[in-house]
Amino acid sequence: MKIIKKAQSGSFESSDIIVLIEPVPKNSGRNIEMDTTVMLEYGDSIKQLILNKLDEYSINDIHLIVKDKGALEPTINARLETAILRACDLQKGTLI
């Protein structure tokens, strides 16, 4: 899939995560900025969830900002998927 526009999903509420996506030039790679309240305990697991979701959608060129407030795995996956679909213009939603 190709990221064609900026998109976001989620919120800054407790037990949630906000995901911001924007396109980058081809062959720029993945630039992932992650901030989480549980970085020491679950940072590596969250990063792996993100990478797996990007792999699932074959997304290689992206700028992704993730701000986590203790979201559970299903919430993280849902927010990532929603942001990706919005950024690919396959789902309507909040735009930056």
C-alpha atoms as a PDB file:
ATOM      1  CA  MET A   1       0.000   0.000   0.000  1.00  0.00           C
ATOM      2  CA  LYS A   2       1.066   3.557  -0.574  1.00  0.00           C
ATOM      3  CA  ILE A   3       0.728   6.310   1.986  1.00  0.00           C
ATOM      4  CA  ILE A   4      -0.627   9.300   0.069  1.00  0.00           C
ATOM      5  CA  LYS A   5      -1.658  11.774   2.760  1.00  0.00           C
ATOM      6  CA  LYS A   6      -1.317  12.613   6.443  1.00  0.00           C
ATOM      7  CA  ALA A   7      -3.657  10.817   8.810  1.00  0.00           C
ATOM      8  CA  GLN A   8      -4.170  10.087  12.487  1.00  0.00           C
ATOM      9  CA  SER A   9      -6.149   7.857  14.797  1.00  0.00           C
ATOM     10  CA  GLY A  10      -6.491   7.460  18.538  1.00  0.00           C
ATOM     11  CA  SER A  11      -6.300   9.936  21.376  1.00  0.00           C
ATOM     12  CA  PHE A  12      -4.089  11.104  24.241  1.00  0.00           C
ATOM     13  CA  GLU A  13      -6.444   9.552  26.797  1.00  0.00           C
ATOM     14  CA  SER A  14      -5.235   7.041  29.368  1.00  0.00           C
ATOM     15  CA  SER A  15      -5.031   3.458  28.020  1.00  0.00           C
ATOM     16  CA  ASP A  16      -5.057   4.725  24.433  1.00  0.00           C
ATOM     17  CA  ILE A  17      -2.518   5.542  21.760  1.00  0.00           C
ATOM     18  CA  ILE A  18      -2.382   8.224  19.090  1.00  0.00           C
ATOM     19  CA  VAL A  19      -0.859   7.388  15.734  1.00  0.00           C
ATOM     20  CA  LEU A  20       0.178  10.084  13.251  1.00  0.00           C
ATOM     21  CA  ILE A  21       1.253   9.080   9.736  1.00  0.00           C
ATOM     22  CA  GLU A  22       2.649  11.112   6.876  1.00  0.00           C
ATOM     23  CA  PRO A  23       4.075  10.155   3.499  1.00  0.00           C
ATOM     24  CA  VAL A  24       7.766  10.518   2.707  1.00  0.00           C
ATOM     25  CA  PRO A  25       9.618  10.364  -0.614  1.00  0.00           C
ATOM     26  CA  LYS A  26      10.115   6.920  -2.136  1.00  0.00           C
ATOM     27  CA  ASN A  27      13.071   4.953  -0.742  1.00  0.00           C
ATOM     28  CA  SER A  28      13.246   7.141   2.393  1.00  0.00           C
ATOM     29  CA  GLY A  29      12.549   4.175   4.644  1.00  0.00           C
ATOM     30  CA  ARG A  30      10.664   3.999   7.908  1.00  0.00           C
ATOM     31  CA  ASN A  31      11.086   6.865  10.344  1.00  0.00           C
ATOM     32  CA  ILE A  32       9.316   5.829  13.546  1.00  0.00           C
ATOM     33  CA  GLU A  33       9.137   8.139  16.559  1.00  0.00           C
ATOM     34  CA  MET A  34       7.712   6.420  19.594  1.00  0.00           C
ATOM     35  CA  ASP A  35       6.936   7.783  23.040  1.00  0.00           C
ATOM     36  CA  THR A  36       5.242   5.586  25.614  1.00  0.00           C
ATOM     37  CA  THR A  37       4.651   5.682  29.337  1.00  0.00           C
ATOM     38  CA  VAL A  38       5.686   2.026  29.474  1.00  0.00           C
ATOM     39  CA  MET A  39       8.884   2.260  27.386  1.00  0.00           C
ATOM     40  CA  LEU A  40      11.082   0.284  29.774  1.00  0.00           C
ATOM     41  CA  GLU A  41       8.592  -2.552  30.203  1.00  0.00           C
ATOM     42  CA  TYR A  42       6.952  -2.811  26.759  1.00  0.00           C
ATOM     43  CA  GLY A  43       8.796  -0.505  24.357  1.00  0.00           C
ATOM     44  CA  ASP A  44      10.340  -3.352  22.354  1.00  0.00           C
ATOM     45  CA  SER A  45       7.010  -5.198  22.120  1.00  0.00           C
ATOM     46  CA  ILE A  46       5.174  -2.092  20.938  1.00  0.00           C
ATOM     47  CA  LYS A  47       7.855  -1.401  18.329  1.00  0.00           C
ATOM     48  CA  GLN A  48       7.560  -4.988  17.079  1.00  0.00           C
ATOM     49  CA  LEU A  49       3.752  -4.659  16.816  1.00  0.00           C
ATOM     50  CA  ILE A  50       4.249  -1.518  14.725  1.00  0.00           C
ATOM     51  CA  LEU A  51       6.789  -3.175  12.443  1.00  0.00           C
ATOM     52  CA  ASN A  52       4.573  -6.231  11.996  1.00  0.00           C
ATOM     53  CA  LYS A  53       1.593  -4.051  10.997  1.00  0.00           C
ATOM     54  CA  LEU A  54       3.728  -2.081   8.517  1.00  0.00           C
ATOM     55  CA  ASP A  55       5.012  -5.364   7.071  1.00  0.00           C
ATOM     56  CA  GLU A  56       1.437  -6.681   6.828  1.00  0.00           C
ATOM     57  CA  TYR A  57       0.521  -3.708   4.620  1.00  0.00           C
ATOM     58  CA  SER A  58       3.901  -3.662   2.791  1.00  0.00           C
ATOM     59  CA  ILE A  59       4.644  -0.100   3.880  1.00  0.00           C
ATOM     60  CA  ASN A  60       8.304   0.824   3.719  1.00  0.00           C
ATOM     61  CA  ASP A  61       8.387   4.594   3.218  1.00  0.00           C
ATOM     62  CA  ILE A  62       6.673   6.349   6.111  1.00  0.00           C
ATOM     63  CA  HIS A  63       7.048   8.867   8.912  1.00  0.00           C
ATOM     64  CA  LEU A  64       5.157   7.492  11.899  1.00  0.00           C
ATOM     65  CA  ILE A  65       4.693   9.203  15.263  1.00  0.00           C
ATOM     66  CA  VAL A  66       3.281   7.096  18.089  1.00  0.00           C
ATOM     67  CA  LYS A  67       2.346   8.468  21.522  1.00  0.00           C
ATOM     68  CA  ASP A  68       1.195   5.691  23.840  1.00  0.00           C
ATOM     69  CA  LYS A  69      -0.545   6.033  27.204  1.00  0.00           C
ATOM     70  CA  GLY A  70      -0.630   2.345  28.131  1.00  0.00           C
ATOM     71  CA  ALA A  71      -2.776   0.943  25.308  1.00  0.00           C
ATOM     72  CA  LEU A  72      -3.272  -2.800  25.081  1.00  0.00           C
ATOM     73  CA  GLU A  73      -2.175  -4.791  22.018  1.00  0.00           C
ATOM     74  CA  PRO A  74      -5.636  -4.908  20.330  1.00  0.00           C
ATOM     75  CA  THR A  75      -5.949  -1.123  20.694  1.00  0.00           C
ATOM     76  CA  ILE A  76      -2.483  -0.543  19.259  1.00  0.00           C
ATOM     77  CA  ASN A  77      -3.249  -2.759  16.256  1.00  0.00           C
ATOM     78  CA  ALA A  78      -6.637  -1.108  15.667  1.00  0.00           C
ATOM     79  CA  ARG A  79      -5.224   2.420  15.842  1.00  0.00           C
ATOM     80  CA  LEU A  80      -2.349   1.567  13.504  1.00  0.00           C
ATOM     81  CA  GLU A  81      -4.637  -0.104  10.988  1.00  0.00           C
ATOM     82  CA  THR A  82      -7.097   2.797  11.048  1.00  0.00           C
ATOM     83  CA  ALA A  83      -4.343   5.381  10.541  1.00  0.00           C
ATOM     84  CA  ILE A  84      -2.841   3.354   7.685  1.00  0.00           C
ATOM     85  CA  LEU A  85      -6.193   3.000   5.902  1.00  0.00           C
ATOM     86  CA  ARG A  86      -6.891   6.716   6.313  1.00  0.00           C
ATOM     87  CA  ALA A  87      -3.422   7.619   5.022  1.00  0.00           C
ATOM     88  CA  CYS A  88      -3.988   5.411   1.976  1.00  0.00           C
ATOM     89  CA  ASP A  89      -7.357   7.187   1.449  1.00  0.00           C
ATOM     90  CA  LEU A  90      -9.247   3.928   1.969  1.00  0.00           C
ATOM     91  CA  GLN A  91     -11.181   5.153   5.021  1.00  0.00           C
ATOM     92  CA  LYS A  92     -12.522   8.549   6.012  1.00  0.00           C
ATOM     93  CA  GLY A  93     -11.462  10.091   9.287  1.00  0.00           C
ATOM     94  CA  THR A  94      -9.467  12.779  11.020  1.00  0.00           C
ATOM     95  CA  LEU A  95      -6.850  14.470   8.915  1.00  0.00           C
ATOM     96  CA  ILE A  96      -3.960  16.580  10.103  1.00  0.00           C
END
